[in-house]
Amino acid sequence: MAQTIHLPKAKGNNCLPLHLATVLTSKSIGTAFAALLLLSACASTPQPPTSDLQAAEQAIESAERARVADYASVELSDARDKLSAARSAVREEKMVQAQRLAQQARADAELASARAEVAKARVVNEQMQKGTDTLKQEMQRKSGDQ
């Protein structure tokens, strides 16, 4: 048999019946809150950013194959350092930080590749300009000989 507690209404003297079984005690509220925190902690544990780490590794390897270090060694070094820091963050279970560092490492490696391409293009451009200048001089010399 359930016991009934009568709580006063906001207006008037009428009482609302409320079963004791439905009244939460502070102990049961605390237990429910602790269980909720435990469940949310388990559900929100981020996974290691493996795809970001792999993308950073591939970008660095690609830059190394393209001999980027000859033109953009600082950026490539930064990429390697950030990838190493990302791996350390994974070991320390700091997944958000690991993901951010892996993304930065990839960006640094891609920046190094882009800067190297610009430097290579400048070299080619300078060589072409020298060739053009040489041809112009030859043309002027031959037209002056006639």
Protein backbone atom coordinates (compact mmCIF):
# COMPACT_ATOMS: atom_id res chain seq x y z
CA MET A 1 0.00 0.00 0.00
CA ALA A 2 1.51 3.32 -1.07
CA GLN A 3 1.59 6.23 1.30
CA THR A 4 0.26 9.56 0.13
CA ILE A 5 1.76 12.94 0.94
CA HIS A 6 -0.37 16.02 0.54
CA LEU A 7 1.45 19.09 -0.72
CA PRO A 8 -0.25 22.47 -0.70
CA LYS A 9 -1.18 24.01 -4.02
CA ALA A 10 0.13 27.41 -4.93
CA LYS A 11 -3.39 28.89 -4.53
CA GLY A 12 -5.98 27.90 -2.01
CA ASN A 13 -6.03 25.24 0.67
CA ASN A 14 -6.61 22.20 -1.54
CA CYS A 15 -3.89 19.56 -1.30
CA LEU A 16 -2.43 17.55 -4.17
CA PRO A 17 -1.96 13.84 -3.51
CA LEU A 18 1.57 12.63 -4.27
CA HIS A 19 2.82 9.09 -3.75
CA LEU A 20 5.93 8.79 -1.64
CA ALA A 21 7.43 6.44 -4.24
CA THR A 22 7.53 9.30 -6.78
CA VAL A 23 9.26 11.78 -4.49
CA LEU A 24 12.97 11.85 -5.21
CA THR A 25 15.24 12.15 -2.24
CA SER A 26 18.48 14.06 -2.37
CA LYS A 27 20.34 10.75 -2.21
CA SER A 28 18.63 9.38 -5.30
CA ILE A 29 19.16 12.69 -7.15
CA GLY A 30 22.87 12.54 -6.33
CA THR A 31 23.07 8.94 -7.53
CA ALA A 32 21.25 9.78 -10.76
CA PHE A 33 23.53 12.77 -11.36
CA ALA A 34 26.67 10.67 -10.79
CA ALA A 35 25.39 8.00 -13.18
CA LEU A 36 24.64 10.67 -15.78
CA LEU A 37 28.14 12.10 -15.47
CA LEU A 38 29.68 8.66 -15.79
CA LEU A 39 27.66 7.89 -18.91
CA SER A 40 28.42 11.21 -20.52
CA ALA A 41 32.13 10.81 -19.78
CA CYS A 42 32.18 7.42 -21.45
CA ALA A 43 30.17 8.60 -24.42
CA SER A 44 32.24 11.72 -25.06
CA THR A 45 35.71 10.15 -24.95
CA PRO A 46 37.13 11.09 -28.35
CA GLN A 47 38.84 8.51 -30.48
CA PRO A 48 42.46 8.95 -31.65
CA PRO A 49 42.61 11.13 -34.77
CA THR A 50 44.10 8.38 -36.91
CA SER A 51 42.98 9.85 -40.23
CA ASP A 52 44.50 13.24 -39.37
CA LEU A 53 47.73 11.59 -38.25
CA GLN A 54 47.90 9.53 -41.44
CA ALA A 55 47.21 12.60 -43.58
CA ALA A 56 50.02 14.49 -41.84
CA GLU A 57 52.41 11.56 -42.28
CA GLN A 58 51.58 11.31 -45.97
CA ALA A 59 52.01 15.06 -46.50
CA ILE A 60 55.42 14.96 -44.80
CA GLU A 61 56.52 11.89 -46.77
CA SER A 62 55.39 13.51 -50.00
CA ALA A 63 57.33 16.67 -49.15
CA GLU A 64 60.43 14.64 -48.35
CA ARG A 65 60.20 12.75 -51.66
CA ALA A 66 59.95 16.08 -53.47
CA ARG A 67 63.15 17.24 -51.75
CA VAL A 68 61.33 20.13 -50.14
CA ALA A 69 63.96 20.49 -47.42
CA ASP A 70 66.25 22.17 -49.97
CA TYR A 71 63.77 25.06 -50.26
CA ALA A 72 61.52 25.06 -47.17
CA SER A 73 63.37 23.30 -44.39
CA VAL A 74 61.84 25.41 -41.60
CA GLU A 75 58.26 24.53 -42.55
CA LEU A 76 59.10 20.85 -43.00
CA SER A 77 60.84 20.79 -39.63
CA ASP A 78 57.78 22.44 -38.04
CA ALA A 79 55.57 19.76 -39.60
CA ARG A 80 57.73 16.96 -38.20
CA ASP A 81 57.75 18.57 -34.74
CA LYS A 82 53.98 18.97 -34.70
CA LEU A 83 53.44 15.40 -35.87
CA SER A 84 55.67 14.18 -33.06
CA ALA A 85 53.74 16.34 -30.57
CA ALA A 86 50.46 14.94 -31.92
CA ARG A 87 51.66 11.39 -31.35
CA SER A 88 52.66 12.32 -27.79
CA ALA A 89 49.24 13.85 -27.20
CA VAL A 90 47.61 10.59 -28.33
CA ARG A 91 49.75 8.65 -25.83
CA GLU A 92 48.62 11.10 -23.14
CA GLU A 93 45.00 10.64 -24.30
CA LYS A 94 44.64 14.31 -25.25
CA MET A 95 42.78 13.56 -28.46
CA VAL A 96 41.51 17.06 -29.23
CA GLN A 97 45.02 18.46 -28.93
CA ALA A 98 46.39 15.54 -30.97
CA GLN A 99 43.91 16.21 -33.76
CA ARG A 100 44.73 19.92 -33.83
CA LEU A 101 48.48 19.24 -33.93
CA ALA A 102 48.09 16.61 -36.66
CA GLN A 103 46.08 19.05 -38.77
CA GLN A 104 48.72 21.73 -38.24
CA ALA A 105 51.48 19.28 -39.17
CA ARG A 106 49.69 18.50 -42.42
CA ALA A 107 49.22 22.20 -43.16
CA ASP A 108 52.91 22.89 -42.46
CA ALA A 109 53.99 20.04 -44.76
CA GLU A 110 51.69 21.30 -47.50
CA LEU A 111 53.03 24.82 -47.00
CA ALA A 112 56.58 23.50 -47.30
CA SER A 113 55.65 21.74 -50.54
CA ALA A 114 54.01 24.87 -51.93
CA ARG A 115 56.99 27.07 -51.03
CA ALA A 116 59.35 24.57 -52.61
CA GLU A 117 57.27 24.58 -55.80
CA VAL A 118 57.41 28.38 -55.87
CA ALA A 119 61.18 28.33 -55.38
CA LYS A 120 61.61 25.73 -58.14
CA ALA A 121 59.39 27.77 -60.47
CA ARG A 122 61.51 30.86 -59.78
CA VAL A 123 64.65 28.96 -60.73
CA VAL A 124 63.05 27.78 -63.97
CA ASN A 125 61.78 31.29 -64.65
CA GLU A 126 65.24 32.77 -64.10
CA GLN A 127 66.78 30.20 -66.42
CA MET A 128 64.21 30.94 -69.08
CA GLN A 129 64.78 34.67 -68.67
CA LYS A 130 68.53 34.16 -69.09
CA GLY A 131 67.90 32.08 -72.19
CA THR A 132 65.62 34.75 -73.61
CA ASP A 133 68.18 37.46 -72.86
CA THR A 134 70.89 35.40 -74.56
CA LEU A 135 68.70 34.93 -77.64
CA LYS A 136 67.95 38.66 -77.78
CA GLN A 137 71.66 39.47 -77.57
CA GLU A 138 72.40 36.97 -80.35
CA MET A 139 69.68 38.45 -82.53
CA GLN A 140 70.99 41.99 -81.96
CA ARG A 141 74.54 40.95 -82.66
CA LYS A 142 73.59 39.14 -85.88
CA SER A 143 71.42 42.03 -87.07
CA GLY A 144 74.30 44.43 -86.33
CA ASP A 145 76.72 42.28 -88.36
CA GLN A 146 74.75 42.70 -91.54
